[in-house]
Amino acid sequence: MDEIDGDKELICSLDRIDSNGHYEKDNLQVVCKFANRWKGDSDNDEFIRLINMLSKR
């Protein structure tokens, strides 16, 4: 088992796209556990902007 396979922070987690909305089919996205915590109740567009900025580095 490599490092990624055993990392509990990479387990899938359901996140609300609009944090003010409910856990409904059209308001859910699958992210990893640490990304869900990182996003918290932040705006989804801002979260995506930050992820994209990191991925370009």
PDB file of N, CA and C in Angstrom:
ATOM      1  N   MET A   1       0.851  -1.175   0.000  1.00  0.00           N
ATOM      2  CA  MET A   1       0.000   0.000   0.000  1.00  0.00           C
ATOM      3  C   MET A   1       0.899   1.240   0.000  1.00  0.00           C
ATOM      4  N   ASP A   2       0.657   2.148  -0.962  1.00  0.00           N
ATOM      5  CA  ASP A   2       1.477   3.348  -0.968  1.00  0.00           C
ATOM      6  C   ASP A   2       0.881   4.406  -0.038  1.00  0.00           C
ATOM      7  N   GLU A   3       1.596   5.500   0.116  1.00  0.00           N
ATOM      8  CA  GLU A   3       1.222   6.554   1.057  1.00  0.00           C
ATOM      9  C   GLU A   3      -0.175   7.115   0.796  1.00  0.00           C
ATOM     10  N   ILE A   4      -0.543   7.300  -0.458  1.00  0.00           N
ATOM     11  CA  ILE A   4      -1.845   7.874  -0.793  1.00  0.00           C
ATOM     12  C   ILE A   4      -2.971   6.919  -0.412  1.00  0.00           C
ATOM     13  N   ASP A   5      -2.820   5.628  -0.680  1.00  0.00           N
ATOM     14  CA  ASP A   5      -3.870   4.660  -0.377  1.00  0.00           C
ATOM     15  C   ASP A   5      -4.232   4.643   1.102  1.00  0.00           C
ATOM     16  N   GLY A   6      -3.281   4.863   1.963  1.00  0.00           N
ATOM     17  CA  GLY A   6      -3.525   4.781   3.397  1.00  0.00           C
ATOM     18  C   GLY A   6      -3.839   6.113   4.051  1.00  0.00           C
ATOM     19  N   ASP A   7      -3.915   7.187   3.294  1.00  0.00           N
ATOM     20  CA  ASP A   7      -4.126   8.513   3.866  1.00  0.00           C
ATOM     21  C   ASP A   7      -5.615   8.785   4.056  1.00  0.00           C
ATOM     22  N   LYS A   8      -6.062   8.850   5.297  1.00  0.00           N
ATOM     23  CA  LYS A   8      -7.478   9.061   5.601  1.00  0.00           C
ATOM     24  C   LYS A   8      -7.977  10.440   5.171  1.00  0.00           C
ATOM     25  N   GLU A   9      -7.083  11.370   4.959  1.00  0.00           N
ATOM     26  CA  GLU A   9      -7.483  12.707   4.511  1.00  0.00           C
ATOM     27  C   GLU A   9      -7.966  12.702   3.061  1.00  0.00           C
ATOM     28  N   LEU A  10      -7.684  11.618   2.315  1.00  0.00           N
ATOM     29  CA  LEU A  10      -8.091  11.527   0.919  1.00  0.00           C
ATOM     30  C   LEU A  10      -9.375  10.727   0.725  1.00  0.00           C
ATOM     31  N   ILE A  11     -10.021  10.342   1.824  1.00  0.00           N
ATOM     32  CA  ILE A  11     -11.298   9.637   1.748  1.00  0.00           C
ATOM     33  C   ILE A  11     -12.341  10.576   1.149  1.00  0.00           C
ATOM     34  N   CYS A  12     -13.232  10.038   0.314  1.00  0.00           N
ATOM     35  CA  CYS A  12     -14.283  10.848  -0.315  1.00  0.00           C
ATOM     36  C   CYS A  12     -15.249  11.390   0.729  1.00  0.00           C
ATOM     37  N   SER A  13     -15.710  12.601   0.465  1.00  0.00           N
ATOM     38  CA  SER A  13     -16.626  13.277   1.370  1.00  0.00           C
ATOM     39  C   SER A  13     -17.611  14.095   0.541  1.00  0.00           C
ATOM     40  N   LEU A  14     -18.884  14.111   0.935  1.00  0.00           N
ATOM     41  CA  LEU A  14     -19.869  14.939   0.242  1.00  0.00           C
ATOM     42  C   LEU A  14     -19.809  16.360   0.778  1.00  0.00           C
ATOM     43  N   ASP A  15     -19.813  17.306  -0.148  1.00  0.00           N
ATOM     44  CA  ASP A  15     -19.750  18.718   0.202  1.00  0.00           C
ATOM     45  C   ASP A  15     -20.900  19.446  -0.479  1.00  0.00           C
ATOM     46  N   ARG A  16     -21.492  20.399   0.221  1.00  0.00           N
ATOM     47  CA  ARG A  16     -22.529  21.219  -0.392  1.00  0.00           C
ATOM     48  C   ARG A  16     -21.867  22.289  -1.252  1.00  0.00           C
ATOM     49  N   ILE A  17     -22.278  22.415  -2.490  1.00  0.00           N
ATOM     50  CA  ILE A  17     -21.757  23.445  -3.388  1.00  0.00           C
ATOM     51  C   ILE A  17     -22.106  24.814  -2.823  1.00  0.00           C
ATOM     52  N   ASP A  18     -23.370  25.010  -2.480  1.00  0.00           N
ATOM     53  CA  ASP A  18     -23.827  26.228  -1.814  1.00  0.00           C
ATOM     54  C   ASP A  18     -23.972  25.875  -0.339  1.00  0.00           C
ATOM     55  N   SER A  19     -23.046  26.342   0.471  1.00  0.00           N
ATOM     56  CA  SER A  19     -23.028  25.977   1.884  1.00  0.00           C
ATOM     57  C   SER A  19     -24.261  26.450   2.642  1.00  0.00           C
ATOM     58  N   ASN A  20     -25.003  27.383   2.074  1.00  0.00           N
ATOM     59  CA  ASN A  20     -26.244  27.833   2.708  1.00  0.00           C
ATOM     60  C   ASN A  20     -27.419  26.944   2.343  1.00  0.00           C
ATOM     61  N   GLY A  21     -27.234  26.076   1.343  1.00  0.00           N
ATOM     62  CA  GLY A  21     -28.294  25.175   0.898  1.00  0.00           C
ATOM     63  C   GLY A  21     -28.297  23.881   1.683  1.00  0.00           C
ATOM     64  N   HIS A  22     -29.157  22.972   1.255  1.00  0.00           N
ATOM     65  CA  HIS A  22     -29.311  21.680   1.913  1.00  0.00           C
ATOM     66  C   HIS A  22     -28.495  20.613   1.194  1.00  0.00           C
ATOM     67  N   TYR A  23     -28.366  19.481   1.858  1.00  0.00           N
ATOM     68  CA  TYR A  23     -27.709  18.323   1.254  1.00  0.00           C
ATOM     69  C   TYR A  23     -28.699  17.674   0.290  1.00  0.00           C
ATOM     70  N   GLU A  24     -28.808  18.239  -0.913  1.00  0.00           N
ATOM     71  CA  GLU A  24     -29.701  17.747  -1.952  1.00  0.00           C
ATOM     72  C   GLU A  24     -28.880  17.402  -3.186  1.00  0.00           C
ATOM     73  N   LYS A  25     -29.428  16.515  -4.015  1.00  0.00           N
ATOM     74  CA  LYS A  25     -28.722  15.983  -5.185  1.00  0.00           C
ATOM     75  C   LYS A  25     -28.022  17.063  -6.018  1.00  0.00           C
ATOM     76  N   ASP A  26     -28.699  18.139  -6.342  1.00  0.00           N
ATOM     77  CA  ASP A  26     -28.122  19.178  -7.211  1.00  0.00           C
ATOM     78  C   ASP A  26     -27.199  20.144  -6.479  1.00  0.00           C
ATOM     79  N   ASN A  27     -27.029  19.949  -5.176  1.00  0.00           N
ATOM     80  CA  ASN A  27     -26.180  20.843  -4.396  1.00  0.00           C
ATOM     81  C   ASN A  27     -25.015  20.087  -3.759  1.00  0.00           C
ATOM     82  N   LEU A  28     -24.643  18.951  -4.343  1.00  0.00           N
ATOM     83  CA  LEU A  28     -23.567  18.148  -3.766  1.00  0.00           C
ATOM     84  C   LEU A  28     -22.427  17.943  -4.752  1.00  0.00           C
ATOM     85  N   GLN A  29     -21.230  17.873  -4.208  1.00  0.00           N
ATOM     86  CA  GLN A  29     -20.048  17.518  -4.982  1.00  0.00           C
ATOM     87  C   GLN A  29     -19.208  16.595  -4.107  1.00  0.00           C
ATOM     88  N   VAL A  30     -18.457  15.711  -4.748  1.00  0.00           N
ATOM     89  CA  VAL A  30     -17.591  14.791  -4.015  1.00  0.00           C
ATOM     90  C   VAL A  30     -16.200  15.403  -3.974  1.00  0.00           C
ATOM     91  N   VAL A  31     -15.688  15.560  -2.779  1.00  0.00           N
ATOM     92  CA  VAL A  31     -14.332  16.072  -2.567  1.00  0.00           C
ATOM     93  C   VAL A  31     -13.655  15.149  -1.559  1.00  0.00           C
ATOM     94  N   CYS A  32     -12.375  15.331  -1.341  1.00  0.00           N
ATOM     95  CA  CYS A  32     -11.718  14.546  -0.304  1.00  0.00           C
ATOM     96  C   CYS A  32     -11.937  15.232   1.046  1.00  0.00           C
ATOM     97  N   LYS A  33     -11.741  14.469   2.088  1.00  0.00           N
ATOM     98  CA  LYS A  33     -12.029  14.910   3.451  1.00  0.00           C
ATOM     99  C   LYS A  33     -11.336  16.230   3.794  1.00  0.00           C
ATOM    100  N   PHE A  34     -10.045  16.360   3.481  1.00  0.00           N
ATOM    101  CA  PHE A  34      -9.336  17.582   3.859  1.00  0.00           C
ATOM    102  C   PHE A  34      -9.840  18.785   3.066  1.00  0.00           C
ATOM    103  N   ALA A  35     -10.239  18.586   1.800  1.00  0.00           N
ATOM    104  CA  ALA A  35     -10.763  19.695   0.999  1.00  0.00           C
ATOM    105  C   ALA A  35     -12.107  20.154   1.544  1.00  0.00           C
ATOM    106  N   ASN A  36     -12.922  19.233   2.006  1.00  0.00           N
ATOM    107  CA  ASN A  36     -14.211  19.589   2.593  1.00  0.00           C
ATOM    108  C   ASN A  36     -14.005  20.450   3.834  1.00  0.00           C
ATOM    109  N   ARG A  37     -13.071  20.067   4.681  1.00  0.00           N
ATOM    110  CA  ARG A  37     -12.771  20.869   5.879  1.00  0.00           C
ATOM    111  C   ARG A  37     -12.208  22.223   5.486  1.00  0.00           C
ATOM    112  N   TRP A  38     -11.325  22.232   4.481  1.00  0.00           N
ATOM    113  CA  TRP A  38     -10.691  23.475   4.046  1.00  0.00           C
ATOM    114  C   TRP A  38     -11.733  24.446   3.502  1.00  0.00           C
ATOM    115  N   LYS A  39     -12.647  23.938   2.692  1.00  0.00           N
ATOM    116  CA  LYS A  39     -13.685  24.800   2.121  1.00  0.00           C
ATOM    117  C   LYS A  39     -14.619  25.307   3.207  1.00  0.00           C
ATOM    118  N   GLY A  40     -14.988  24.441   4.131  1.00  0.00           N
ATOM    119  CA  GLY A  40     -15.907  24.843   5.191  1.00  0.00           C
ATOM    120  C   GLY A  40     -17.179  25.423   4.598  1.00  0.00           C
ATOM    121  N   ASP A  41     -17.540  26.611   5.043  1.00  0.00           N
ATOM    122  CA  ASP A  41     -18.746  27.242   4.504  1.00  0.00           C
ATOM    123  C   ASP A  41     -18.404  28.374   3.536  1.00  0.00           C
ATOM    124  N   SER A  42     -17.186  28.321   2.984  1.00  0.00           N
ATOM    125  CA  SER A  42     -16.752  29.334   2.019  1.00  0.00           C
ATOM    126  C   SER A  42     -17.520  29.220   0.707  1.00  0.00           C
ATOM    127  N   ASP A  43     -17.482  30.281  -0.061  1.00  0.00           N
ATOM    128  CA  ASP A  43     -18.085  30.307  -1.388  1.00  0.00           C
ATOM    129  C   ASP A  43     -17.380  29.303  -2.297  1.00  0.00           C
ATOM    130  N   ASN A  44     -18.147  28.503  -3.032  1.00  0.00           N
ATOM    131  CA  ASN A  44     -17.572  27.460  -3.876  1.00  0.00           C
ATOM    132  C   ASN A  44     -16.689  28.026  -4.990  1.00  0.00           C
ATOM    133  N   ASP A  45     -17.083  29.142  -5.596  1.00  0.00           N
ATOM    134  CA  ASP A  45     -16.265  29.736  -6.665  1.00  0.00           C
ATOM    135  C   ASP A  45     -14.911  30.189  -6.135  1.00  0.00           C
ATOM    136  N   GLU A  46     -14.894  30.737  -4.926  1.00  0.00           N
ATOM    137  CA  GLU A  46     -13.630  31.151  -4.321  1.00  0.00           C
ATOM    138  C   GLU A  46     -12.769  29.930  -4.008  1.00  0.00           C
ATOM    139  N   PHE A  47     -13.382  28.882  -3.523  1.00  0.00           N
ATOM    140  CA  PHE A  47     -12.662  27.649  -3.227  1.00  0.00           C
ATOM    141  C   PHE A  47     -12.025  27.078  -4.495  1.00  0.00           C
ATOM    142  N   ILE A  48     -12.788  27.033  -5.587  1.00  0.00           N
ATOM    143  CA  ILE A  48     -12.268  26.528  -6.864  1.00  0.00           C
ATOM    144  C   ILE A  48     -11.126  27.415  -7.364  1.00  0.00           C
ATOM    145  N   ARG A  49     -11.257  28.714  -7.207  1.00  0.00           N
ATOM    146  CA  ARG A  49     -10.189  29.634  -7.618  1.00  0.00           C
ATOM    147  C   ARG A  49      -8.889  29.302  -6.878  1.00  0.00           C
ATOM    148  N   LEU A  50      -8.999  29.076  -5.576  1.00  0.00           N
ATOM    149  CA  LEU A  50      -7.809  28.761  -4.781  1.00  0.00           C
ATOM    150  C   LEU A  50      -7.211  27.410  -5.161  1.00  0.00           C
ATOM    151  N   ILE A  51      -8.057  26.410  -5.386  1.00  0.00           N
ATOM    152  CA  ILE A  51      -7.574  25.096  -5.820  1.00  0.00           C
ATOM    153  C   ILE A  51      -6.848  25.217  -7.157  1.00  0.00           C
ATOM    154  N   ASN A  52      -7.434  25.970  -8.096  1.00  0.00           N
ATOM    155  CA  ASN A  52      -6.791  26.157  -9.399  1.00  0.00           C
ATOM    156  C   ASN A  52      -5.448  26.863  -9.260  1.00  0.00           C
ATOM    157  N   MET A  53      -5.372  27.832  -8.376  1.00  0.00           N
ATOM    158  CA  MET A  53      -4.122  28.542  -8.159  1.00  0.00           C
ATOM    159  C   MET A  53      -3.051  27.574  -7.646  1.00  0.00           C
ATOM    160  N   LEU A  54      -3.420  26.705  -6.725  1.00  0.00           N
ATOM    161  CA  LEU A  54      -2.471  25.719  -6.186  1.00  0.00           C
ATOM    162  C   LEU A  54      -2.039  24.718  -7.248  1.00  0.00           C
ATOM    163  N   SER A  55      -2.983  24.294  -8.091  1.00  0.00           N
ATOM    164  CA  SER A  55      -2.658  23.275  -9.075  1.00  0.00           C
ATOM    165  C   SER A  55      -1.705  23.802 -10.149  1.00  0.00           C
ATOM    166  N   LYS A  56      -1.652  25.096 -10.334  1.00  0.00           N
ATOM    167  CA  LYS A  56      -0.745  25.685 -11.337  1.00  0.00           C
ATOM    168  C   LYS A  56       0.678  25.799 -10.815  1.00  0.00           C
ATOM    169  N   ARG A  57       0.846  25.640  -9.531  1.00  0.00           N
ATOM    170  CA  ARG A  57       2.185  25.767  -8.940  1.00  0.00           C
ATOM    171  C   ARG A  57       2.898  24.502  -9.112  1.00  0.00           C
TER     172      ARG A  57
END
